[in-house]
Amino acid sequence: MNNLHIEFDLPSHIAIQAGLDAERPTEDIRRILALFLYQHRRLSLGKACELGNMSYWEFAELNARLGISAHYREEDWAADLERLVNV
């Protein structure tokens, strides 16, 4: 798999104001980006979890804490129901 390397400087006062973990700022930024892209329907739930390096449960908990609603379409529900019926 190819990766895109992104690097930028973030002023420390902005990192502090944003509440980034000084020990793990890159991981915090990845999670924030995953949440943002999911909230704006740019990434699916699975891809957002992958980007944020979180389990579905961790991601759902963080979404709930931040008031981000789940994007669950009728088609998703039908597909999940079909999988359950065929188990």
PDB file of N, CA and C in Angstrom:
ATOM      1  N   MET A   1       0.848  -1.175   0.000  1.00  0.00           N
ATOM      2  CA  MET A   1       0.000   0.000   0.000  1.00  0.00           C
ATOM      3  C   MET A   1       0.896   1.243   0.000  1.00  0.00           C
ATOM      4  N   ASN A   2       0.567   2.177  -0.830  1.00  0.00           N
ATOM      5  CA  ASN A   2       1.290   3.435  -0.868  1.00  0.00           C
ATOM      6  C   ASN A   2       0.748   4.376   0.192  1.00  0.00           C
ATOM      7  N   ASN A   3       1.626   5.152   0.770  1.00  0.00           N
ATOM      8  CA  ASN A   3       1.224   6.142   1.766  1.00  0.00           C
ATOM      9  C   ASN A   3       1.601   7.526   1.285  1.00  0.00           C
ATOM     10  N   LEU A   4       0.826   8.479   1.662  1.00  0.00           N
ATOM     11  CA  LEU A   4       1.100   9.875   1.392  1.00  0.00           C
ATOM     12  C   LEU A   4       1.634  10.480   2.678  1.00  0.00           C
ATOM     13  N   HIS A   5       2.836  11.007   2.626  1.00  0.00           N
ATOM     14  CA  HIS A   5       3.441  11.605   3.815  1.00  0.00           C
ATOM     15  C   HIS A   5       3.123  13.092   3.817  1.00  0.00           C
ATOM     16  N   ILE A   6       2.510  13.561   4.895  1.00  0.00           N
ATOM     17  CA  ILE A   6       2.157  14.970   5.038  1.00  0.00           C
ATOM     18  C   ILE A   6       2.875  15.503   6.262  1.00  0.00           C
ATOM     19  N   GLU A   7       3.515  16.630   6.099  1.00  0.00           N
ATOM     20  CA  GLU A   7       4.246  17.217   7.216  1.00  0.00           C
ATOM     21  C   GLU A   7       3.988  18.722   7.222  1.00  0.00           C
ATOM     22  N   PHE A   8       3.753  19.268   8.413  1.00  0.00           N
ATOM     23  CA  PHE A   8       3.600  20.707   8.532  1.00  0.00           C
ATOM     24  C   PHE A   8       3.956  21.130   9.942  1.00  0.00           C
ATOM     25  N   ASP A   9       4.281  22.395  10.077  1.00  0.00           N
ATOM     26  CA  ASP A   9       4.608  22.943  11.389  1.00  0.00           C
ATOM     27  C   ASP A   9       3.345  23.497  12.023  1.00  0.00           C
ATOM     28  N   LEU A  10       3.166  23.195  13.292  1.00  0.00           N
ATOM     29  CA  LEU A  10       2.023  23.670  14.044  1.00  0.00           C
ATOM     30  C   LEU A  10       2.554  24.490  15.213  1.00  0.00           C
ATOM     31  N   PRO A  11       2.223  25.762  15.280  1.00  0.00           N
ATOM     32  CA  PRO A  11       2.694  26.573  16.407  1.00  0.00           C
ATOM     33  C   PRO A  11       2.267  25.942  17.729  1.00  0.00           C
ATOM     34  N   SER A  12       3.195  25.893  18.677  1.00  0.00           N
ATOM     35  CA  SER A  12       2.918  25.211  19.945  1.00  0.00           C
ATOM     36  C   SER A  12       1.746  25.833  20.693  1.00  0.00           C
ATOM     37  N   HIS A  13       1.548  27.150  20.579  1.00  0.00           N
ATOM     38  CA  HIS A  13       0.422  27.755  21.291  1.00  0.00           C
ATOM     39  C   HIS A  13      -0.916  27.283  20.727  1.00  0.00           C
ATOM     40  N   ILE A  14      -0.961  26.971  19.439  1.00  0.00           N
ATOM     41  CA  ILE A  14      -2.186  26.438  18.841  1.00  0.00           C
ATOM     42  C   ILE A  14      -2.382  24.993  19.280  1.00  0.00           C
ATOM     43  N   ALA A  15      -1.316  24.217  19.326  1.00  0.00           N
ATOM     44  CA  ALA A  15      -1.405  22.829  19.787  1.00  0.00           C
ATOM     45  C   ALA A  15      -1.907  22.778  21.221  1.00  0.00           C
ATOM     46  N   ILE A  16      -1.402  23.676  22.052  1.00  0.00           N
ATOM     47  CA  ILE A  16      -1.835  23.729  23.453  1.00  0.00           C
ATOM     48  C   ILE A  16      -3.304  24.122  23.535  1.00  0.00           C
ATOM     49  N   GLN A  17      -3.680  25.151  22.772  1.00  0.00           N
ATOM     50  CA  GLN A  17      -5.070  25.617  22.789  1.00  0.00           C
ATOM     51  C   GLN A  17      -6.014  24.521  22.282  1.00  0.00           C
ATOM     52  N   ALA A  18      -5.555  23.727  21.318  1.00  0.00           N
ATOM     53  CA  ALA A  18      -6.382  22.657  20.761  1.00  0.00           C
ATOM     54  C   ALA A  18      -6.425  21.435  21.679  1.00  0.00           C
ATOM     55  N   GLY A  19      -5.600  21.448  22.714  1.00  0.00           N
ATOM     56  CA  GLY A  19      -5.607  20.344  23.670  1.00  0.00           C
ATOM     57  C   GLY A  19      -4.900  19.099  23.178  1.00  0.00           C
ATOM     58  N   LEU A  20      -3.950  19.269  22.241  1.00  0.00           N
ATOM     59  CA  LEU A  20      -3.221  18.112  21.733  1.00  0.00           C
ATOM     60  C   LEU A  20      -2.294  17.555  22.801  1.00  0.00           C
ATOM     61  N   ASP A  21      -2.172  16.258  22.814  1.00  0.00           N
ATOM     62  CA  ASP A  21      -1.285  15.566  23.744  1.00  0.00           C
ATOM     63  C   ASP A  21       0.153  15.846  23.306  1.00  0.00           C
ATOM     64  N   ALA A  22       0.945  16.462  24.161  1.00  0.00           N
ATOM     65  CA  ALA A  22       2.324  16.820  23.832  1.00  0.00           C
ATOM     66  C   ALA A  22       3.177  15.593  23.533  1.00  0.00           C
ATOM     67  N   GLU A  23       2.798  14.446  24.103  1.00  0.00           N
ATOM     68  CA  GLU A  23       3.551  13.211  23.886  1.00  0.00           C
ATOM     69  C   GLU A  23       3.173  12.521  22.571  1.00  0.00           C
ATOM     70  N   ARG A  24       1.946  12.775  22.076  1.00  0.00           N
ATOM     71  CA  ARG A  24       1.444  12.080  20.888  1.00  0.00           C
ATOM     72  C   ARG A  24       0.671  13.020  19.956  1.00  0.00           C
ATOM     73  N   PRO A  25       1.259  14.117  19.533  1.00  0.00           N
ATOM     74  CA  PRO A  25       0.484  15.059  18.711  1.00  0.00           C
ATOM     75  C   PRO A  25       0.064  14.488  17.360  1.00  0.00           C
ATOM     76  N   THR A  26       0.897  13.646  16.758  1.00  0.00           N
ATOM     77  CA  THR A  26       0.550  13.088  15.451  1.00  0.00           C
ATOM     78  C   THR A  26      -0.685  12.203  15.552  1.00  0.00           C
ATOM     79  N   GLU A  27      -0.761  11.384  16.600  1.00  0.00           N
ATOM     80  CA  GLU A  27      -1.928  10.520  16.775  1.00  0.00           C
ATOM     81  C   GLU A  27      -3.185  11.340  17.023  1.00  0.00           C
ATOM     82  N   ASP A  28      -3.059  12.406  17.797  1.00  0.00           N
ATOM     83  CA  ASP A  28      -4.209  13.281  18.034  1.00  0.00           C
ATOM     84  C   ASP A  28      -4.691  13.917  16.734  1.00  0.00           C
ATOM     85  N   ILE A  29      -3.762  14.392  15.927  1.00  0.00           N
ATOM     86  CA  ILE A  29      -4.119  15.023  14.642  1.00  0.00           C
ATOM     87  C   ILE A  29      -4.801  14.005  13.737  1.00  0.00           C
ATOM     88  N   ARG A  30      -4.297  12.771  13.693  1.00  0.00           N
ATOM     89  CA  ARG A  30      -4.926  11.726  12.868  1.00  0.00           C
ATOM     90  C   ARG A  30      -6.365  11.482  13.313  1.00  0.00           C
ATOM     91  N   ARG A  31      -6.586  11.434  14.624  1.00  0.00           N
ATOM     92  CA  ARG A  31      -7.943  11.209  15.132  1.00  0.00           C
ATOM     93  C   ARG A  31      -8.865  12.381  14.800  1.00  0.00           C
ATOM     94  N   ILE A  32      -8.359  13.576  14.971  1.00  0.00           N
ATOM     95  CA  ILE A  32      -9.150  14.764  14.657  1.00  0.00           C
ATOM     96  C   ILE A  32      -9.513  14.779  13.176  1.00  0.00           C
ATOM     97  N   LEU A  33      -8.551  14.466  12.326  1.00  0.00           N
ATOM     98  CA  LEU A  33      -8.813  14.433  10.887  1.00  0.00           C
ATOM     99  C   LEU A  33      -9.836  13.349  10.555  1.00  0.00           C
ATOM    100  N   ALA A  34      -9.707  12.174  11.171  1.00  0.00           N
ATOM    101  CA  ALA A  34     -10.659  11.089  10.934  1.00  0.00           C
ATOM    102  C   ALA A  34     -12.072  11.507  11.342  1.00  0.00           C
ATOM    103  N   LEU A  35     -12.188  12.130  12.512  1.00  0.00           N
ATOM    104  CA  LEU A  35     -13.496  12.597  12.980  1.00  0.00           C
ATOM    105  C   LEU A  35     -14.080  13.641  12.038  1.00  0.00           C
ATOM    106  N   PHE A  36     -13.258  14.583  11.632  1.00  0.00           N
ATOM    107  CA  PHE A  36     -13.716  15.651  10.744  1.00  0.00           C
ATOM    108  C   PHE A  36     -14.202  15.083   9.411  1.00  0.00           C
ATOM    109  N   LEU A  37     -13.399  14.211   8.810  1.00  0.00           N
ATOM    110  CA  LEU A  37     -13.767  13.659   7.503  1.00  0.00           C
ATOM    111  C   LEU A  37     -14.997  12.770   7.592  1.00  0.00           C
ATOM    112  N   TYR A  38     -15.152  12.046   8.691  1.00  0.00           N
ATOM    113  CA  TYR A  38     -16.355  11.234   8.881  1.00  0.00           C
ATOM    114  C   TYR A  38     -17.581  12.130   9.077  1.00  0.00           C
ATOM    115  N   GLN A  39     -17.432  13.134   9.927  1.00  0.00           N
ATOM    116  CA  GLN A  39     -18.554  14.033  10.204  1.00  0.00           C
ATOM    117  C   GLN A  39     -19.045  14.716   8.934  1.00  0.00           C
ATOM    118  N   HIS A  40     -18.125  15.030   8.027  1.00  0.00           N
ATOM    119  CA  HIS A  40     -18.489  15.711   6.788  1.00  0.00           C
ATOM    120  C   HIS A  40     -18.702  14.741   5.622  1.00  0.00           C
ATOM    121  N   ARG A  41     -18.867  13.455   5.996  1.00  0.00           N
ATOM    122  CA  ARG A  41     -19.204  12.408   5.035  1.00  0.00           C
ATOM    123  C   ARG A  41     -18.195  12.260   3.906  1.00  0.00           C
ATOM    124  N   ARG A  42     -16.941  12.500   4.247  1.00  0.00           N
ATOM    125  CA  ARG A  42     -15.869  12.322   3.267  1.00  0.00           C
ATOM    126  C   ARG A  42     -15.219  10.950   3.403  1.00  0.00           C
ATOM    127  N   LEU A  43     -15.397  10.302   4.583  1.00  0.00           N
ATOM    128  CA  LEU A  43     -14.891   8.954   4.817  1.00  0.00           C
ATOM    129  C   LEU A  43     -16.000   8.102   5.425  1.00  0.00           C
ATOM    130  N   SER A  44     -15.961   6.828   5.092  1.00  0.00           N
ATOM    131  CA  SER A  44     -16.883   5.880   5.714  1.00  0.00           C
ATOM    132  C   SER A  44     -16.435   5.626   7.145  1.00  0.00           C
ATOM    133  N   LEU A  45     -17.279   4.965   7.907  1.00  0.00           N
ATOM    134  CA  LEU A  45     -16.953   4.624   9.284  1.00  0.00           C
ATOM    135  C   LEU A  45     -15.679   3.778   9.344  1.00  0.00           C
ATOM    136  N   GLY A  46     -15.610   2.762   8.516  1.00  0.00           N
ATOM    137  CA  GLY A  46     -14.444   1.879   8.518  1.00  0.00           C
ATOM    138  C   GLY A  46     -13.154   2.601   8.179  1.00  0.00           C
ATOM    139  N   LYS A  47     -13.200   3.449   7.163  1.00  0.00           N
ATOM    140  CA  LYS A  47     -12.002   4.189   6.756  1.00  0.00           C
ATOM    141  C   LYS A  47     -11.618   5.227   7.808  1.00  0.00           C
ATOM    142  N   ALA A  48     -12.593   5.834   8.461  1.00  0.00           N
ATOM    143  CA  ALA A  48     -12.296   6.802   9.522  1.00  0.00           C
ATOM    144  C   ALA A  48     -11.624   6.101  10.699  1.00  0.00           C
ATOM    145  N   CYS A  49     -12.107   4.916  11.037  1.00  0.00           N
ATOM    146  CA  CYS A  49     -11.478   4.141  12.119  1.00  0.00           C
ATOM    147  C   CYS A  49     -10.050   3.781  11.740  1.00  0.00           C
ATOM    148  N   GLU A  50      -9.855   3.396  10.499  1.00  0.00           N
ATOM    149  CA  GLU A  50      -8.515   3.049  10.019  1.00  0.00           C
ATOM    150  C   GLU A  50      -7.580   4.252  10.100  1.00  0.00           C
ATOM    151  N   LEU A  51      -8.028   5.399   9.610  1.00  0.00           N
ATOM    152  CA  LEU A  51      -7.207   6.607   9.650  1.00  0.00           C
ATOM    153  C   LEU A  51      -6.885   7.014  11.079  1.00  0.00           C
ATOM    154  N   GLY A  52      -7.877   6.962  11.947  1.00  0.00           N
ATOM    155  CA  GLY A  52      -7.680   7.368  13.333  1.00  0.00           C
ATOM    156  C   GLY A  52      -7.024   6.304  14.199  1.00  0.00           C
ATOM    157  N   ASN A  53      -6.771   5.124  13.593  1.00  0.00           N
ATOM    158  CA  ASN A  53      -6.166   4.004  14.315  1.00  0.00           C
ATOM    159  C   ASN A  53      -6.971   3.667  15.574  1.00  0.00           C
ATOM    160  N   MET A  54      -8.317   3.562  15.383  1.00  0.00           N
ATOM    161  CA  MET A  54      -9.230   3.284  16.482  1.00  0.00           C
ATOM    162  C   MET A  54     -10.126   2.106  16.118  1.00  0.00           C
ATOM    163  N   SER A  55     -10.587   1.401  17.134  1.00  0.00           N
ATOM    164  CA  SER A  55     -11.594   0.363  16.908  1.00  0.00           C
ATOM    165  C   SER A  55     -12.932   1.065  16.649  1.00  0.00           C
ATOM    166  N   TYR A  56     -13.891   0.296  16.165  1.00  0.00           N
ATOM    167  CA  TYR A  56     -15.227   0.861  15.959  1.00  0.00           C
ATOM    168  C   TYR A  56     -15.778   1.401  17.278  1.00  0.00           C
ATOM    169  N   TRP A  57     -15.544   0.669  18.375  1.00  0.00           N
ATOM    170  CA  TRP A  57     -16.079   1.067  19.673  1.00  0.00           C
ATOM    171  C   TRP A  57     -15.427   2.357  20.156  1.00  0.00           C
ATOM    172  N   GLU A  58     -14.112   2.480  19.999  1.00  0.00           N
ATOM    173  CA  GLU A  58     -13.421   3.714  20.402  1.00  0.00           C
ATOM    174  C   GLU A  58     -13.941   4.900  19.586  1.00  0.00           C
ATOM    175  N   PHE A  59     -14.107   4.660  18.281  1.00  0.00           N
ATOM    176  CA  PHE A  59     -14.575   5.728  17.403  1.00  0.00           C
ATOM    177  C   PHE A  59     -15.999   6.134  17.756  1.00  0.00           C
ATOM    178  N   ALA A  60     -16.868   5.152  18.014  1.00  0.00           N
ATOM    179  CA  ALA A  60     -18.256   5.451  18.372  1.00  0.00           C
ATOM    180  C   ALA A  60     -18.315   6.223  19.683  1.00  0.00           C
ATOM    181  N   GLU A  61     -17.496   5.838  20.644  1.00  0.00           N
ATOM    182  CA  GLU A  61     -17.474   6.530  21.933  1.00  0.00           C
ATOM    183  C   GLU A  61     -17.011   7.976  21.769  1.00  0.00           C
ATOM    184  N   LEU A  62     -15.983   8.177  20.974  1.00  0.00           N
ATOM    185  CA  LEU A  62     -15.485   9.534  20.746  1.00  0.00           C
ATOM    186  C   LEU A  62     -16.514  10.372  20.000  1.00  0.00           C
ATOM    187  N   ASN A  63     -17.178   9.782  19.014  1.00  0.00           N
ATOM    188  CA  ASN A  63     -18.252  10.492  18.302  1.00  0.00           C
ATOM    189  C   ASN A  63     -19.360  10.911  19.253  1.00  0.00           C
ATOM    190  N   ALA A  64     -19.762   9.999  20.114  1.00  0.00           N
ATOM    191  CA  ALA A  64     -20.835  10.297  21.066  1.00  0.00           C
ATOM    192  C   ALA A  64     -20.411  11.420  22.009  1.00  0.00           C
ATOM    193  N   ARG A  65     -19.181  11.345  22.495  1.00  0.00           N
ATOM    194  CA  ARG A  65     -18.690  12.381  23.411  1.00  0.00           C
ATOM    195  C   ARG A  65     -18.670  13.753  22.743  1.00  0.00           C
ATOM    196  N   LEU A  66     -18.384  13.783  21.439  1.00  0.00           N
ATOM    197  CA  LEU A  66     -18.292  15.050  20.713  1.00  0.00           C
ATOM    198  C   LEU A  66     -19.606  15.455  20.044  1.00  0.00           C
ATOM    199  N   GLY A  67     -20.630  14.612  20.171  1.00  0.00           N
ATOM    200  CA  GLY A  67     -21.930  14.947  19.591  1.00  0.00           C
ATOM    201  C   GLY A  67     -21.995  14.773  18.085  1.00  0.00           C
ATOM    202  N   ILE A  68     -21.162  13.901  17.534  1.00  0.00           N
ATOM    203  CA  ILE A  68     -21.171  13.635  16.095  1.00  0.00           C
ATOM    204  C   ILE A  68     -22.094  12.446  15.857  1.00  0.00           C
ATOM    205  N   SER A  69     -23.123  12.650  15.071  1.00  0.00           N
ATOM    206  CA  SER A  69     -24.087  11.577  14.839  1.00  0.00           C
ATOM    207  C   SER A  69     -23.541  10.558  13.847  1.00  0.00           C
ATOM    208  N   ALA A  70     -23.997   9.331  14.017  1.00  0.00           N
ATOM    209  CA  ALA A  70     -23.583   8.246  13.124  1.00  0.00           C
ATOM    210  C   ALA A  70     -24.282   8.398  11.784  1.00  0.00           C
ATOM    211  N   HIS A  71     -23.588   8.060  10.741  1.00  0.00           N
ATOM    212  CA  HIS A  71     -24.164   8.085   9.397  1.00  0.00           C
ATOM    213  C   HIS A  71     -24.527   6.651   9.058  1.00  0.00           C
ATOM    214  N   TYR A  72     -25.767   6.354   9.148  1.00  0.00           N
ATOM    215  CA  TYR A  72     -26.234   4.998   8.918  1.00  0.00           C
ATOM    216  C   TYR A  72     -27.415   5.081   7.983  1.00  0.00           C
ATOM    217  N   ARG A  73     -27.158   4.771   6.724  1.00  0.00           N
ATOM    218  CA  ARG A  73     -28.195   4.875   5.708  1.00  0.00           C
ATOM    219  C   ARG A  73     -29.082   3.632   5.703  1.00  0.00           C
ATOM    220  N   GLU A  74     -30.203   3.761   5.083  1.00  0.00           N
ATOM    221  CA  GLU A  74     -31.122   2.633   4.975  1.00  0.00           C
ATOM    222  C   GLU A  74     -30.456   1.459   4.264  1.00  0.00           C
ATOM    223  N   GLU A  75     -29.619   1.747   3.281  1.00  0.00           N
ATOM    224  CA  GLU A  75     -28.907   0.690   2.558  1.00  0.00           C
ATOM    225  C   GLU A  75     -27.950  -0.054   3.492  1.00  0.00           C
ATOM    226  N   ASP A  76     -27.301   0.689   4.405  1.00  0.00           N
ATOM    227  CA  ASP A  76     -26.402   0.062   5.377  1.00  0.00           C
ATOM    228  C   ASP A  76     -27.194  -0.870   6.295  1.00  0.00           C
ATOM    229  N   TRP A  77     -28.356  -0.403   6.737  1.00  0.00           N
ATOM    230  CA  TRP A  77     -29.208  -1.207   7.610  1.00  0.00           C
ATOM    231  C   TRP A  77     -29.633  -2.481   6.895  1.00  0.00           C
ATOM    232  N   ALA A  78     -30.051  -2.367   5.653  1.00  0.00           N
ATOM    233  CA  ALA A  78     -30.497  -3.532   4.883  1.00  0.00           C
ATOM    234  C   ALA A  78     -29.353  -4.527   4.699  1.00  0.00           C
ATOM    235  N   ALA A  79     -28.157  -4.050   4.424  1.00  0.00           N
ATOM    236  CA  ALA A  79     -27.003  -4.932   4.259  1.00  0.00           C
ATOM    237  C   ALA A  79     -26.657  -5.632   5.559  1.00  0.00           C
ATOM    238  N   ASP A  80     -26.704  -4.905   6.674  1.00  0.00           N
ATOM    239  CA  ASP A  80     -26.429  -5.513   7.982  1.00  0.00           C
ATOM    240  C   ASP A  80     -27.485  -6.570   8.324  1.00  0.00           C
ATOM    241  N   LEU A  81     -28.737  -6.264   8.048  1.00  0.00           N
ATOM    242  CA  LEU A  81     -29.817  -7.205   8.302  1.00  0.00           C
ATOM    243  C   LEU A  81     -29.631  -8.471   7.465  1.00  0.00           C
ATOM    244  N   GLU A  82     -29.273  -8.307   6.221  1.00  0.00           N
ATOM    245  CA  GLU A  82     -29.040  -9.457   5.336  1.00  0.00           C
ATOM    246  C   GLU A  82     -27.914 -10.336   5.869  1.00  0.00           C
ATOM    247  N   ARG A  83     -26.836  -9.724   6.359  1.00  0.00           N
ATOM    248  CA  ARG A  83     -25.724 -10.493   6.937  1.00  0.00           C
ATOM    249  C   ARG A  83     -26.184 -11.266   8.164  1.00  0.00           C
ATOM    250  N   LEU A  84     -27.000 -10.644   8.991  1.00  0.00           N
ATOM    251  CA  LEU A  84     -27.494 -11.305  10.208  1.00  0.00           C
ATOM    252  C   LEU A  84     -28.406 -12.491   9.877  1.00  0.00           C
ATOM    253  N   VAL A  85     -29.237 -12.310   8.873  1.00  0.00           N
ATOM    254  CA  VAL A  85     -30.172 -13.366   8.486  1.00  0.00           C
ATOM    255  C   VAL A  85     -29.416 -14.574   7.957  1.00  0.00           C
ATOM    256  N   ASN A  86     -28.301 -14.337   7.286  1.00  0.00           N
ATOM    257  CA  ASN A  86     -27.541 -15.428   6.662  1.00  0.00           C
ATOM    258  C   ASN A  86     -26.478 -16.027   7.586  1.00  0.00           C
ATOM    259  N   VAL A  87     -26.486 -15.680   8.851  1.00  0.00           N
ATOM    260  CA  VAL A  87     -25.502 -16.245   9.782  1.00  0.00           C
ATOM    261  C   VAL A  87     -25.905 -17.619  10.225  1.00  0.00           C
TER     262      VAL A  87
END
